[in-house]
């Protein structure tokens, strides 16, 4: 059974940083593309970033240059390093592989 567990969310001031983690079980993150999505209340979930099995990465335009997706194969974990955070980054962040979603971790950017 595939499980994804996010952690690392919290309250941060504008301009601050957070690193989210997505710990996987039941799959090897090195063999699959893993995505990060985010969602705010009343809105659709939106795609944020992807890391492919080959290690290629891509980002939504609004986070390019500020967010970095990476993985640690030994820990079977995918990360999302978020720098220069803005209030509009406030959302619940989810990691995803195919039809499998984690429970989400809340990021709040506020002074």
PDB file of N, CA and C in Angstrom:
ATOM      1  N   UNK A   1       0.844  -1.186   0.000  1.00  0.00           N
ATOM      2  CA  UNK A   1       0.000   0.000   0.000  1.00  0.00           C
ATOM      3  C   UNK A   1       0.884   1.242   0.000  1.00  0.00           C
ATOM      4  N   UNK A   2       0.588   2.143  -0.939  1.00  0.00           N
ATOM      5  CA  UNK A   2       1.370   3.362  -1.058  1.00  0.00           C
ATOM      6  C   UNK A   2       0.858   4.398  -0.069  1.00  0.00           C
ATOM      7  N   UNK A   3       1.766   4.995   0.674  1.00  0.00           N
ATOM      8  CA  UNK A   3       1.404   6.078   1.575  1.00  0.00           C
ATOM      9  C   UNK A   3       2.387   7.223   1.414  1.00  0.00           C
ATOM     10  N   UNK A   4       1.856   8.428   1.494  1.00  0.00           N
ATOM     11  CA  UNK A   4       2.656   9.645   1.453  1.00  0.00           C
ATOM     12  C   UNK A   4       2.296  10.470   2.678  1.00  0.00           C
ATOM     13  N   UNK A   5       3.296  10.904   3.432  1.00  0.00           N
ATOM     14  CA  UNK A   5       3.050  11.659   4.660  1.00  0.00           C
ATOM     15  C   UNK A   5       3.838  12.959   4.603  1.00  0.00           C
ATOM     16  N   UNK A   6       3.118  14.077   4.578  1.00  0.00           N
ATOM     17  CA  UNK A   6       3.748  15.390   4.534  1.00  0.00           C
ATOM     18  C   UNK A   6       4.003  15.913   5.944  1.00  0.00           C
ATOM     19  N   UNK A   7       5.026  16.738   6.061  1.00  0.00           N
ATOM     20  CA  UNK A   7       5.317  17.426   7.311  1.00  0.00           C
ATOM     21  C   UNK A   7       6.113  18.679   7.001  1.00  0.00           C
ATOM     22  N   UNK A   8       6.262  19.529   8.017  1.00  0.00           N
ATOM     23  CA  UNK A   8       7.114  20.702   7.871  1.00  0.00           C
ATOM     24  C   UNK A   8       6.376  22.018   7.729  1.00  0.00           C
ATOM     25  N   UNK A   9       5.060  21.962   7.647  1.00  0.00           N
ATOM     26  CA  UNK A   9       4.314  23.206   7.536  1.00  0.00           C
ATOM     27  C   UNK A   9       4.341  24.006   8.827  1.00  0.00           C
ATOM     28  N   UNK A  10       3.826  25.224   8.761  1.00  0.00           N
ATOM     29  CA  UNK A  10       3.779  26.064   9.937  1.00  0.00           C
ATOM     30  C   UNK A  10       3.513  27.506   9.579  1.00  0.00           C
ATOM     31  N   UNK A  11       3.696  28.370  10.565  1.00  0.00           N
ATOM     32  CA  UNK A  11       3.502  29.805  10.389  1.00  0.00           C
ATOM     33  C   UNK A  11       4.855  30.462  10.164  1.00  0.00           C
ATOM     34  N   UNK A  12       4.949  31.261   9.128  1.00  0.00           N
ATOM     35  CA  UNK A  12       6.207  31.935   8.812  1.00  0.00           C
ATOM     36  C   UNK A  12       5.898  33.345   8.340  1.00  0.00           C
ATOM     37  N   UNK A  13       6.799  34.264   8.610  1.00  0.00           N
ATOM     38  CA  UNK A  13       6.618  35.643   8.170  1.00  0.00           C
ATOM     39  C   UNK A  13       6.936  35.773   6.683  1.00  0.00           C
ATOM     40  N   UNK A  14       6.348  36.752   6.017  1.00  0.00           N
ATOM     41  CA  UNK A  14       6.711  37.011   4.619  1.00  0.00           C
ATOM     42  C   UNK A  14       8.221  37.177   4.479  1.00  0.00           C
ATOM     43  N   UNK A  15       8.756  36.564   3.433  1.00  0.00           N
ATOM     44  CA  UNK A  15      10.188  36.577   3.213  1.00  0.00           C
ATOM     45  C   UNK A  15      10.914  35.419   3.859  1.00  0.00           C
ATOM     46  N   UNK A  16      10.214  34.672   4.694  1.00  0.00           N
ATOM     47  CA  UNK A  16      10.834  33.541   5.381  1.00  0.00           C
ATOM     48  C   UNK A  16      10.891  32.280   4.537  1.00  0.00           C
ATOM     49  N   UNK A  17      11.365  31.209   5.178  1.00  0.00           N
ATOM     50  CA  UNK A  17      11.562  29.932   4.490  1.00  0.00           C
ATOM     51  C   UNK A  17      10.961  28.790   5.298  1.00  0.00           C
ATOM     52  N   UNK A  18      10.579  27.757   4.584  1.00  0.00           N
ATOM     53  CA  UNK A  18      10.151  26.498   5.181  1.00  0.00           C
ATOM     54  C   UNK A  18      10.597  25.371   4.271  1.00  0.00           C
ATOM     55  N   UNK A  19      10.823  24.206   4.846  1.00  0.00           N
ATOM     56  CA  UNK A  19      11.079  23.017   4.045  1.00  0.00           C
ATOM     57  C   UNK A  19      10.037  21.975   4.372  1.00  0.00           C
ATOM     58  N   UNK A  20       9.280  21.595   3.369  1.00  0.00           N
ATOM     59  CA  UNK A  20       8.290  20.546   3.516  1.00  0.00           C
ATOM     60  C   UNK A  20       8.906  19.201   3.148  1.00  0.00           C
ATOM     61  N   UNK A  21       8.448  18.169   3.833  1.00  0.00           N
ATOM     62  CA  UNK A  21       8.902  16.813   3.553  1.00  0.00           C
ATOM     63  C   UNK A  21       7.716  15.939   3.165  1.00  0.00           C
ATOM     64  N   UNK A  22       7.971  14.992   2.284  1.00  0.00           N
ATOM     65  CA  UNK A  22       6.973  14.005   1.880  1.00  0.00           C
ATOM     66  C   UNK A  22       7.644  12.637   1.997  1.00  0.00           C
ATOM     67  N   UNK A  23       7.321  11.942   3.073  1.00  0.00           N
ATOM     68  CA  UNK A  23       7.900  10.624   3.312  1.00  0.00           C
ATOM     69  C   UNK A  23       7.023   9.564   2.664  1.00  0.00           C
ATOM     70  N   UNK A  24       7.630   8.735   1.833  1.00  0.00           N
ATOM     71  CA  UNK A  24       6.873   7.728   1.098  1.00  0.00           C
ATOM     72  C   UNK A  24       7.118   6.337   1.654  1.00  0.00           C
ATOM     73  N   UNK A  25       6.081   5.513   1.578  1.00  0.00           N
ATOM     74  CA  UNK A  25       6.205   4.094   1.872  1.00  0.00           C
ATOM     75  C   UNK A  25       5.390   3.327   0.835  1.00  0.00           C
ATOM     76  N   UNK A  26       5.844   2.148   0.519  1.00  0.00           N
ATOM     77  CA  UNK A  26       5.155   1.342  -0.480  1.00  0.00           C
ATOM     78  C   UNK A  26       5.626   1.588  -1.896  1.00  0.00           C
ATOM     79  N   UNK A  27       6.403   2.644  -2.090  1.00  0.00           N
ATOM     80  CA  UNK A  27       7.016   2.933  -3.386  1.00  0.00           C
ATOM     81  C   UNK A  27       8.412   3.482  -3.132  1.00  0.00           C
ATOM     82  N   UNK A  28       9.221   3.454  -4.177  1.00  0.00           N
ATOM     83  CA  UNK A  28      10.516   4.094  -4.114  1.00  0.00           C
ATOM     84  C   UNK A  28      10.427   5.416  -4.854  1.00  0.00           C
ATOM     85  N   UNK A  29      10.693   6.518  -4.168  1.00  0.00           N
ATOM     86  CA  UNK A  29      10.554   7.836  -4.801  1.00  0.00           C
ATOM     87  C   UNK A  29      11.510   8.000  -5.971  1.00  0.00           C
ATOM     88  N   UNK A  30      12.562   7.196  -6.020  1.00  0.00           N
ATOM     89  CA  UNK A  30      13.520   7.326  -7.123  1.00  0.00           C
ATOM     90  C   UNK A  30      12.962   6.771  -8.433  1.00  0.00           C
ATOM     91  N   UNK A  31      11.881   6.015  -8.358  1.00  0.00           N
ATOM     92  CA  UNK A  31      11.339   5.348  -9.540  1.00  0.00           C
ATOM     93  C   UNK A  31      10.089   6.028 -10.103  1.00  0.00           C
ATOM     94  N   UNK A  32       9.597   7.029  -9.395  1.00  0.00           N
ATOM     95  CA  UNK A  32       8.328   7.645  -9.789  1.00  0.00           C
ATOM     96  C   UNK A  32       8.432   9.168  -9.785  1.00  0.00           C
ATOM     97  N   UNK A  33       7.631   9.789 -10.624  1.00  0.00           N
ATOM     98  CA  UNK A  33       7.491  11.235 -10.551  1.00  0.00           C
ATOM     99  C   UNK A  33       6.625  11.577  -9.349  1.00  0.00           C
ATOM    100  N   UNK A  34       7.082  12.523  -8.568  1.00  0.00           N
ATOM    101  CA  UNK A  34       6.356  12.990  -7.385  1.00  0.00           C
ATOM    102  C   UNK A  34       6.048  14.475  -7.567  1.00  0.00           C
ATOM    103  N   UNK A  35       4.821  14.834  -7.269  1.00  0.00           N
ATOM    104  CA  UNK A  35       4.375  16.218  -7.390  1.00  0.00           C
ATOM    105  C   UNK A  35       4.085  16.827  -6.025  1.00  0.00           C
ATOM    106  N   UNK A  36       4.168  18.140  -5.962  1.00  0.00           N
ATOM    107  CA  UNK A  36       3.600  18.917  -4.870  1.00  0.00           C
ATOM    108  C   UNK A  36       2.444  19.747  -5.450  1.00  0.00           C
ATOM    109  N   UNK A  37       1.342  19.750  -4.732  1.00  0.00           N
ATOM    110  CA  UNK A  37       0.195  20.574  -5.045  1.00  0.00           C
ATOM    111  C   UNK A  37      -0.112  21.434  -3.818  1.00  0.00           C
ATOM    112  N   UNK A  38      -0.964  22.437  -3.995  1.00  0.00           N
ATOM    113  CA  UNK A  38      -1.435  23.215  -2.853  1.00  0.00           C
ATOM    114  C   UNK A  38      -2.890  23.618  -3.081  1.00  0.00           C
ATOM    115  N   UNK A  39      -3.559  23.885  -1.978  1.00  0.00           N
ATOM    116  CA  UNK A  39      -4.978  24.217  -2.050  1.00  0.00           C
ATOM    117  C   UNK A  39      -5.352  25.172  -0.934  1.00  0.00           C
ATOM    118  N   UNK A  40      -6.139  26.177  -1.290  1.00  0.00           N
ATOM    119  CA  UNK A  40      -6.714  27.080  -0.298  1.00  0.00           C
ATOM    120  C   UNK A  40      -8.214  26.836  -0.246  1.00  0.00           C
ATOM    121  N   UNK A  41      -8.842  27.167   0.881  1.00  0.00           N
ATOM    122  CA  UNK A  41     -10.285  26.906   1.033  1.00  0.00           C
ATOM    123  C   UNK A  41     -11.100  27.535  -0.087  1.00  0.00           C
ATOM    124  N   UNK A  42     -11.979  26.744  -0.677  1.00  0.00           N
ATOM    125  CA  UNK A  42     -12.856  27.235  -1.723  1.00  0.00           C
ATOM    126  C   UNK A  42     -12.258  27.239  -3.104  1.00  0.00           C
ATOM    127  N   UNK A  43     -11.006  26.825  -3.201  1.00  0.00           N
ATOM    128  CA  UNK A  43     -10.316  26.822  -4.497  1.00  0.00           C
ATOM    129  C   UNK A  43      -9.881  25.418  -4.878  1.00  0.00           C
ATOM    130  N   UNK A  44      -9.638  25.256  -6.179  1.00  0.00           N
ATOM    131  CA  UNK A  44      -9.150  23.959  -6.650  1.00  0.00           C
ATOM    132  C   UNK A  44      -7.698  23.764  -6.252  1.00  0.00           C
ATOM    133  N   UNK A  45      -7.349  22.518  -6.114  1.00  0.00           N
ATOM    134  CA  UNK A  45      -5.950  22.184  -5.852  1.00  0.00           C
ATOM    135  C   UNK A  45      -5.124  22.575  -7.075  1.00  0.00           C
ATOM    136  N   UNK A  46      -3.983  23.225  -6.855  1.00  0.00           N
ATOM    137  CA  UNK A  46      -3.139  23.640  -7.970  1.00  0.00           C
ATOM    138  C   UNK A  46      -1.761  23.018  -7.872  1.00  0.00           C
ATOM    139  N   UNK A  47      -1.252  22.676  -9.026  1.00  0.00           N
ATOM    140  CA  UNK A  47       0.046  22.044  -9.101  1.00  0.00           C
ATOM    141  C   UNK A  47       1.142  23.056  -8.800  1.00  0.00           C
ATOM    142  N   UNK A  48       2.180  22.608  -8.071  1.00  0.00           N
ATOM    143  CA  UNK A  48       3.269  23.491  -7.678  1.00  0.00           C
ATOM    144  C   UNK A  48       4.594  23.080  -8.303  1.00  0.00           C
ATOM    145  N   UNK A  49       4.928  21.789  -8.194  1.00  0.00           N
ATOM    146  CA  UNK A  49       6.249  21.358  -8.649  1.00  0.00           C
ATOM    147  C   UNK A  49       6.235  19.855  -8.877  1.00  0.00           C
ATOM    148  N   UNK A  50       7.199  19.405  -9.681  1.00  0.00           N
ATOM    149  CA  UNK A  50       7.359  17.979  -9.959  1.00  0.00           C
ATOM    150  C   UNK A  50       8.836  17.629  -9.996  1.00  0.00           C
ATOM    151  N   UNK A  51       9.158  16.433  -9.527  1.00  0.00           N
ATOM    152  CA  UNK A  51      10.466  15.846  -9.750  1.00  0.00           C
ATOM    153  C   UNK A  51      10.230  14.489 -10.394  1.00  0.00           C
ATOM    154  N   UNK A  52      10.854  14.273 -11.539  1.00  0.00           N
ATOM    155  CA  UNK A  52      10.647  13.030 -12.278  1.00  0.00           C
ATOM    156  C   UNK A  52      11.577  11.938 -11.772  1.00  0.00           C
ATOM    157  N   UNK A  53      11.353  10.726 -12.259  1.00  0.00           N
ATOM    158  CA  UNK A  53      12.226   9.616 -11.867  1.00  0.00           C
ATOM    159  C   UNK A  53      13.657   9.891 -12.306  1.00  0.00           C
ATOM    160  N   UNK A  54      13.827  10.634 -13.383  1.00  0.00           N
ATOM    161  CA  UNK A  54      15.165  10.971 -13.852  1.00  0.00           C
ATOM    162  C   UNK A  54      15.785  12.158 -13.143  1.00  0.00           C
ATOM    163  N   UNK A  55      15.039  12.754 -12.227  1.00  0.00           N
ATOM    164  CA  UNK A  55      15.572  13.885 -11.464  1.00  0.00           C
ATOM    165  C   UNK A  55      15.305  15.242 -12.078  1.00  0.00           C
ATOM    166  N   UNK A  56      14.567  15.260 -13.181  1.00  0.00           N
ATOM    167  CA  UNK A  56      14.217  16.551 -13.768  1.00  0.00           C
ATOM    168  C   UNK A  56      13.139  17.222 -12.921  1.00  0.00           C
ATOM    169  N   UNK A  57      13.181  18.544 -12.888  1.00  0.00           N
ATOM    170  CA  UNK A  57      12.226  19.294 -12.078  1.00  0.00           C
ATOM    171  C   UNK A  57      11.524  20.357 -12.914  1.00  0.00           C
ATOM    172  N   UNK A  58      10.347  20.730 -12.461  1.00  0.00           N
ATOM    173  CA  UNK A  58       9.611  21.807 -13.098  1.00  0.00           C
ATOM    174  C   UNK A  58       8.705  22.447 -12.055  1.00  0.00           C
ATOM    175  N   UNK A  59       8.351  23.714 -12.287  1.00  0.00           N
ATOM    176  CA  UNK A  59       7.623  24.488 -11.286  1.00  0.00           C
ATOM    177  C   UNK A  59       6.547  25.351 -11.938  1.00  0.00           C
ATOM    178  N   UNK A  60       5.506  25.653 -11.165  1.00  0.00           N
ATOM    179  CA  UNK A  60       4.558  26.635 -11.655  1.00  0.00           C
ATOM    180  C   UNK A  60       5.271  27.977 -11.675  1.00  0.00           C
ATOM    181  N   UNK A  61       4.832  28.834 -12.559  1.00  0.00           N
ATOM    182  CA  UNK A  61       5.555  30.079 -12.814  1.00  0.00           C
ATOM    183  C   UNK A  61       5.704  30.927 -11.573  1.00  0.00           C
ATOM    184  N   UNK A  62       4.687  30.971 -10.741  1.00  0.00           N
ATOM    185  CA  UNK A  62       4.697  31.889  -9.597  1.00  0.00           C
ATOM    186  C   UNK A  62       5.686  31.497  -8.504  1.00  0.00           C
ATOM    187  N   UNK A  63       6.225  30.279  -8.551  1.00  0.00           N
ATOM    188  CA  UNK A  63       7.169  29.851  -7.511  1.00  0.00           C
ATOM    189  C   UNK A  63       8.568  29.647  -8.057  1.00  0.00           C
ATOM    190  N   UNK A  64       8.748  29.785  -9.366  1.00  0.00           N
ATOM    191  CA  UNK A  64      10.076  29.600  -9.951  1.00  0.00           C
ATOM    192  C   UNK A  64      11.067  30.575  -9.338  1.00  0.00           C
ATOM    193  N   UNK A  65      12.243  30.060  -9.004  1.00  0.00           N
ATOM    194  CA  UNK A  65      13.280  30.878  -8.391  1.00  0.00           C
ATOM    195  C   UNK A  65      13.155  30.984  -6.884  1.00  0.00           C
ATOM    196  N   UNK A  66      12.022  30.550  -6.333  1.00  0.00           N
ATOM    197  CA  UNK A  66      11.815  30.610  -4.879  1.00  0.00           C
ATOM    198  C   UNK A  66      11.693  29.219  -4.259  1.00  0.00           C
ATOM    199  N   UNK A  67      11.100  28.286  -4.963  1.00  0.00           N
ATOM    200  CA  UNK A  67      10.891  26.928  -4.458  1.00  0.00           C
ATOM    201  C   UNK A  67      11.842  25.966  -5.159  1.00  0.00           C
ATOM    202  N   UNK A  68      12.278  24.953  -4.417  1.00  0.00           N
ATOM    203  CA  UNK A  68      13.122  23.909  -4.988  1.00  0.00           C
ATOM    204  C   UNK A  68      12.620  22.552  -4.526  1.00  0.00           C
ATOM    205  N   UNK A  69      12.355  21.670  -5.475  1.00  0.00           N
ATOM    206  CA  UNK A  69      11.956  20.303  -5.154  1.00  0.00           C
ATOM    207  C   UNK A  69      13.173  19.403  -5.278  1.00  0.00           C
ATOM    208  N   UNK A  70      13.310  18.484  -4.342  1.00  0.00           N
ATOM    209  CA  UNK A  70      14.446  17.570  -4.355  1.00  0.00           C
ATOM    210  C   UNK A  70      14.024  16.266  -3.684  1.00  0.00           C
ATOM    211  N   UNK A  71      14.916  15.294  -3.718  1.00  0.00           N
ATOM    212  CA  UNK A  71      14.590  14.035  -3.038  1.00  0.00           C
ATOM    213  C   UNK A  71      15.851  13.431  -2.451  1.00  0.00           C
ATOM    214  N   UNK A  72      15.632  12.619  -1.427  1.00  0.00           N
ATOM    215  CA  UNK A  72      16.691  11.842  -0.786  1.00  0.00           C
ATOM    216  C   UNK A  72      16.288  10.383  -0.939  1.00  0.00           C
ATOM    217  N   UNK A  73      16.925   9.691  -1.861  1.00  0.00           N
ATOM    218  CA  UNK A  73      16.538   8.313  -2.136  1.00  0.00           C
ATOM    219  C   UNK A  73      16.751   7.410  -0.926  1.00  0.00           C
ATOM    220  N   UNK A  74      17.800   7.663  -0.167  1.00  0.00           N
ATOM    221  CA  UNK A  74      18.092   6.828   1.004  1.00  0.00           C
ATOM    222  C   UNK A  74      16.994   6.954   2.059  1.00  0.00           C
ATOM    223  N   UNK A  75      16.426   8.149   2.171  1.00  0.00           N
ATOM    224  CA  UNK A  75      15.353   8.379   3.143  1.00  0.00           C
ATOM    225  C   UNK A  75      13.971   8.190   2.510  1.00  0.00           C
ATOM    226  N   UNK A  76      13.948   7.935   1.199  1.00  0.00           N
ATOM    227  CA  UNK A  76      12.700   7.763   0.462  1.00  0.00           C
ATOM    228  C   UNK A  76      11.757   8.943   0.698  1.00  0.00           C
ATOM    229  N   UNK A  77      12.315  10.123   0.610  1.00  0.00           N
ATOM    230  CA  UNK A  77      11.592  11.351   0.941  1.00  0.00           C
ATOM    231  C   UNK A  77      11.811  12.402  -0.144  1.00  0.00           C
ATOM    232  N   UNK A  78      10.751  13.126  -0.441  1.00  0.00           N
ATOM    233  CA  UNK A  78      10.820  14.263  -1.366  1.00  0.00           C
ATOM    234  C   UNK A  78      10.612  15.535  -0.552  1.00  0.00           C
ATOM    235  N   UNK A  79      11.360  16.561  -0.903  1.00  0.00           N
ATOM    236  CA  UNK A  79      11.312  17.825  -0.173  1.00  0.00           C
ATOM    237  C   UNK A  79      10.827  18.953  -1.077  1.00  0.00           C
ATOM    238  N   UNK A  80      10.287  19.975  -0.437  1.00  0.00           N
ATOM    239  CA  UNK A  80       9.990  21.225  -1.134  1.00  0.00           C
ATOM    240  C   UNK A  80      10.553  22.347  -0.274  1.00  0.00           C
ATOM    241  N   UNK A  81      11.678  22.894  -0.718  1.00  0.00           N
ATOM    242  CA  UNK A  81      12.290  24.033  -0.033  1.00  0.00           C
ATOM    243  C   UNK A  81      11.627  25.292  -0.554  1.00  0.00           C
ATOM    244  N   UNK A  82      11.051  26.059   0.343  1.00  0.00           N
ATOM    245  CA  UNK A  82      10.315  27.266  -0.039  1.00  0.00           C
ATOM    246  C   UNK A  82      10.993  28.479   0.591  1.00  0.00           C
ATOM    247  N   UNK A  83      11.514  29.349  -0.245  1.00  0.00           N
ATOM    248  CA  UNK A  83      12.176  30.577   0.203  1.00  0.00           C
ATOM    249  C   UNK A  83      11.391  31.800  -0.255  1.00  0.00           C
ATOM    250  N   UNK A  84      11.716  32.922   0.342  1.00  0.00           N
ATOM    251  CA  UNK A  84      11.067  34.193  -0.030  1.00  0.00           C
ATOM    252  C   UNK A  84       9.549  34.035  -0.067  1.00  0.00           C
ATOM    253  N   UNK A  85       9.020  33.450   0.977  1.00  0.00           N
ATOM    254  CA  UNK A  85       7.586  33.145   0.998  1.00  0.00           C
ATOM    255  C   UNK A  85       6.747  34.411   1.004  1.00  0.00           C
ATOM    256  N   UNK A  86       5.600  34.318   0.346  1.00  0.00           N
ATOM    257  CA  UNK A  86       4.663  35.424   0.225  1.00  0.00           C
ATOM    258  C   UNK A  86       3.320  35.019   0.839  1.00  0.00           C
ATOM    259  N   UNK A  87       2.522  35.979   1.258  1.00  0.00           N
ATOM    260  CA  UNK A  87       1.200  35.625   1.809  1.00  0.00           C
ATOM    261  C   UNK A  87       0.371  34.775   0.844  1.00  0.00           C
ATOM    262  N   UNK A  88       0.541  34.979  -0.444  1.00  0.00           N
ATOM    263  CA  UNK A  88      -0.238  34.194  -1.411  1.00  0.00           C
ATOM    264  C   UNK A  88       0.228  32.746  -1.524  1.00  0.00           C
ATOM    265  N   UNK A  89       1.323  32.406  -0.856  1.00  0.00           N
ATOM    266  CA  UNK A  89       1.747  31.002  -0.786  1.00  0.00           C
ATOM    267  C   UNK A  89       1.016  30.238   0.310  1.00  0.00           C
ATOM    268  N   UNK A  90       0.251  30.957   1.118  1.00  0.00           N
ATOM    269  CA  UNK A  90      -0.515  30.306   2.175  1.00  0.00           C
ATOM    270  C   UNK A  90      -1.472  29.281   1.587  1.00  0.00           C
ATOM    271  N   UNK A  91      -1.378  28.045   2.058  1.00  0.00           N
ATOM    272  CA  UNK A  91      -2.197  26.949   1.526  1.00  0.00           C
ATOM    273  C   UNK A  91      -1.873  25.686   2.298  1.00  0.00           C
ATOM    274  N   UNK A  92      -2.699  24.667   2.077  1.00  0.00           N
ATOM    275  CA  UNK A  92      -2.334  23.330   2.496  1.00  0.00           C
ATOM    276  C   UNK A  92      -1.602  22.674   1.336  1.00  0.00           C
ATOM    277  N   UNK A  93      -0.432  22.139   1.621  1.00  0.00           N
ATOM    278  CA  UNK A  93       0.425  21.554   0.597  1.00  0.00           C
ATOM    279  C   UNK A  93       0.336  20.030   0.671  1.00  0.00           C
ATOM    280  N   UNK A  94       0.202  19.425  -0.507  1.00  0.00           N
ATOM    281  CA  UNK A  94       0.045  17.981  -0.618  1.00  0.00           C
ATOM    282  C   UNK A  94       1.104  17.417  -1.559  1.00  0.00           C
ATOM    283  N   UNK A  95       1.616  16.253  -1.236  1.00  0.00           N
ATOM    284  CA  UNK A  95       2.412  15.539  -2.229  1.00  0.00           C
ATOM    285  C   UNK A  95       1.554  14.455  -2.867  1.00  0.00           C
ATOM    286  N   UNK A  96       1.970  14.081  -4.061  1.00  0.00           N
ATOM    287  CA  UNK A  96       1.105  13.251  -4.891  1.00  0.00           C
ATOM    288  C   UNK A  96       1.928  12.355  -5.797  1.00  0.00           C
ATOM    289  N   UNK A  97       1.466  11.123  -5.950  1.00  0.00           N
ATOM    290  CA  UNK A  97       1.993  10.222  -6.967  1.00  0.00           C
ATOM    291  C   UNK A  97       0.802   9.478  -7.548  1.00  0.00           C
ATOM    292  N   UNK A  98       0.467   9.792  -8.765  1.00  0.00           N
ATOM    293  CA  UNK A  98      -0.678   9.162  -9.402  1.00  0.00           C
ATOM    294  C   UNK A  98      -1.943   9.475  -8.619  1.00  0.00           C
ATOM    295  N   UNK A  99      -2.654   8.433  -8.196  1.00  0.00           N
ATOM    296  CA  UNK A  99      -3.888   8.631  -7.448  1.00  0.00           C
ATOM    297  C   UNK A  99      -3.706   8.697  -5.949  1.00  0.00           C
ATOM    298  N   UNK A 100      -2.489   8.718  -5.494  1.00  0.00           N
ATOM    299  CA  UNK A 100      -2.200   8.721  -4.062  1.00  0.00           C
ATOM    300  C   UNK A 100      -1.848  10.120  -3.587  1.00  0.00           C
ATOM    301  N   UNK A 101      -2.513  10.540  -2.512  1.00  0.00           N
ATOM    302  CA  UNK A 101      -2.287  11.846  -1.911  1.00  0.00           C
ATOM    303  C   UNK A 101      -1.965  11.684  -0.436  1.00  0.00           C
ATOM    304  N   UNK A 102      -1.136  12.589   0.051  1.00  0.00           N
ATOM    305  CA  UNK A 102      -0.932  12.645   1.486  1.00  0.00           C
ATOM    306  C   UNK A 102      -2.064  13.403   2.152  1.00  0.00           C
ATOM    307  N   UNK A 103      -1.927  13.604   3.463  1.00  0.00           N
ATOM    308  CA  UNK A 103      -2.970  14.274   4.230  1.00  0.00           C
ATOM    309  C   UNK A 103      -2.821  15.792   4.186  1.00  0.00           C
ATOM    310  N   UNK A 104      -1.689  16.250   3.732  1.00  0.00           N
ATOM    311  CA  UNK A 104      -1.444  17.686   3.603  1.00  0.00           C
ATOM    312  C   UNK A 104      -0.771  18.278   4.826  1.00  0.00           C
ATOM    313  N   UNK A 105      -0.084  19.392   4.602  1.00  0.00           N
ATOM    314  CA  UNK A 105       0.524  20.144   5.690  1.00  0.00           C
ATOM    315  C   UNK A 105       0.262  21.623   5.432  1.00  0.00           C
ATOM    316  N   UNK A 106      -0.179  22.332   6.456  1.00  0.00           N
ATOM    317  CA  UNK A 106      -0.618  23.718   6.300  1.00  0.00           C
ATOM    318  C   UNK A 106       0.557  24.678   6.409  1.00  0.00           C
ATOM    319  N   UNK A 107       0.659  25.552   5.434  1.00  0.00           N
ATOM    320  CA  UNK A 107       1.643  26.625   5.423  1.00  0.00           C
ATOM    321  C   UNK A 107       0.894  27.953   5.503  1.00  0.00           C
ATOM    322  N   UNK A 108       1.235  28.746   6.493  1.00  0.00           N
ATOM    323  CA  UNK A 108       0.618  30.068   6.651  1.00  0.00           C
ATOM    324  C   UNK A 108       1.719  31.118   6.625  1.00  0.00           C
ATOM    325  N   UNK A 109       1.615  32.032   5.684  1.00  0.00           N
ATOM    326  CA  UNK A 109       2.596  33.110   5.555  1.00  0.00           C
ATOM    327  C   UNK A 109       1.914  34.406   5.966  1.00  0.00           C
ATOM    328  N   UNK A 110       2.302  34.910   7.118  1.00  0.00           N
ATOM    329  CA  UNK A 110       1.626  36.086   7.658  1.00  0.00           C
ATOM    330  C   UNK A 110       2.529  36.782   8.657  1.00  0.00           C
ATOM    331  N   UNK A 111       2.388  38.102   8.730  1.00  0.00           N
ATOM    332  CA  UNK A 111       3.122  38.859   9.729  1.00  0.00           C
ATOM    333  C   UNK A 111       2.266  39.055  10.967  1.00  0.00           C
TER     334      UNK A 111
END
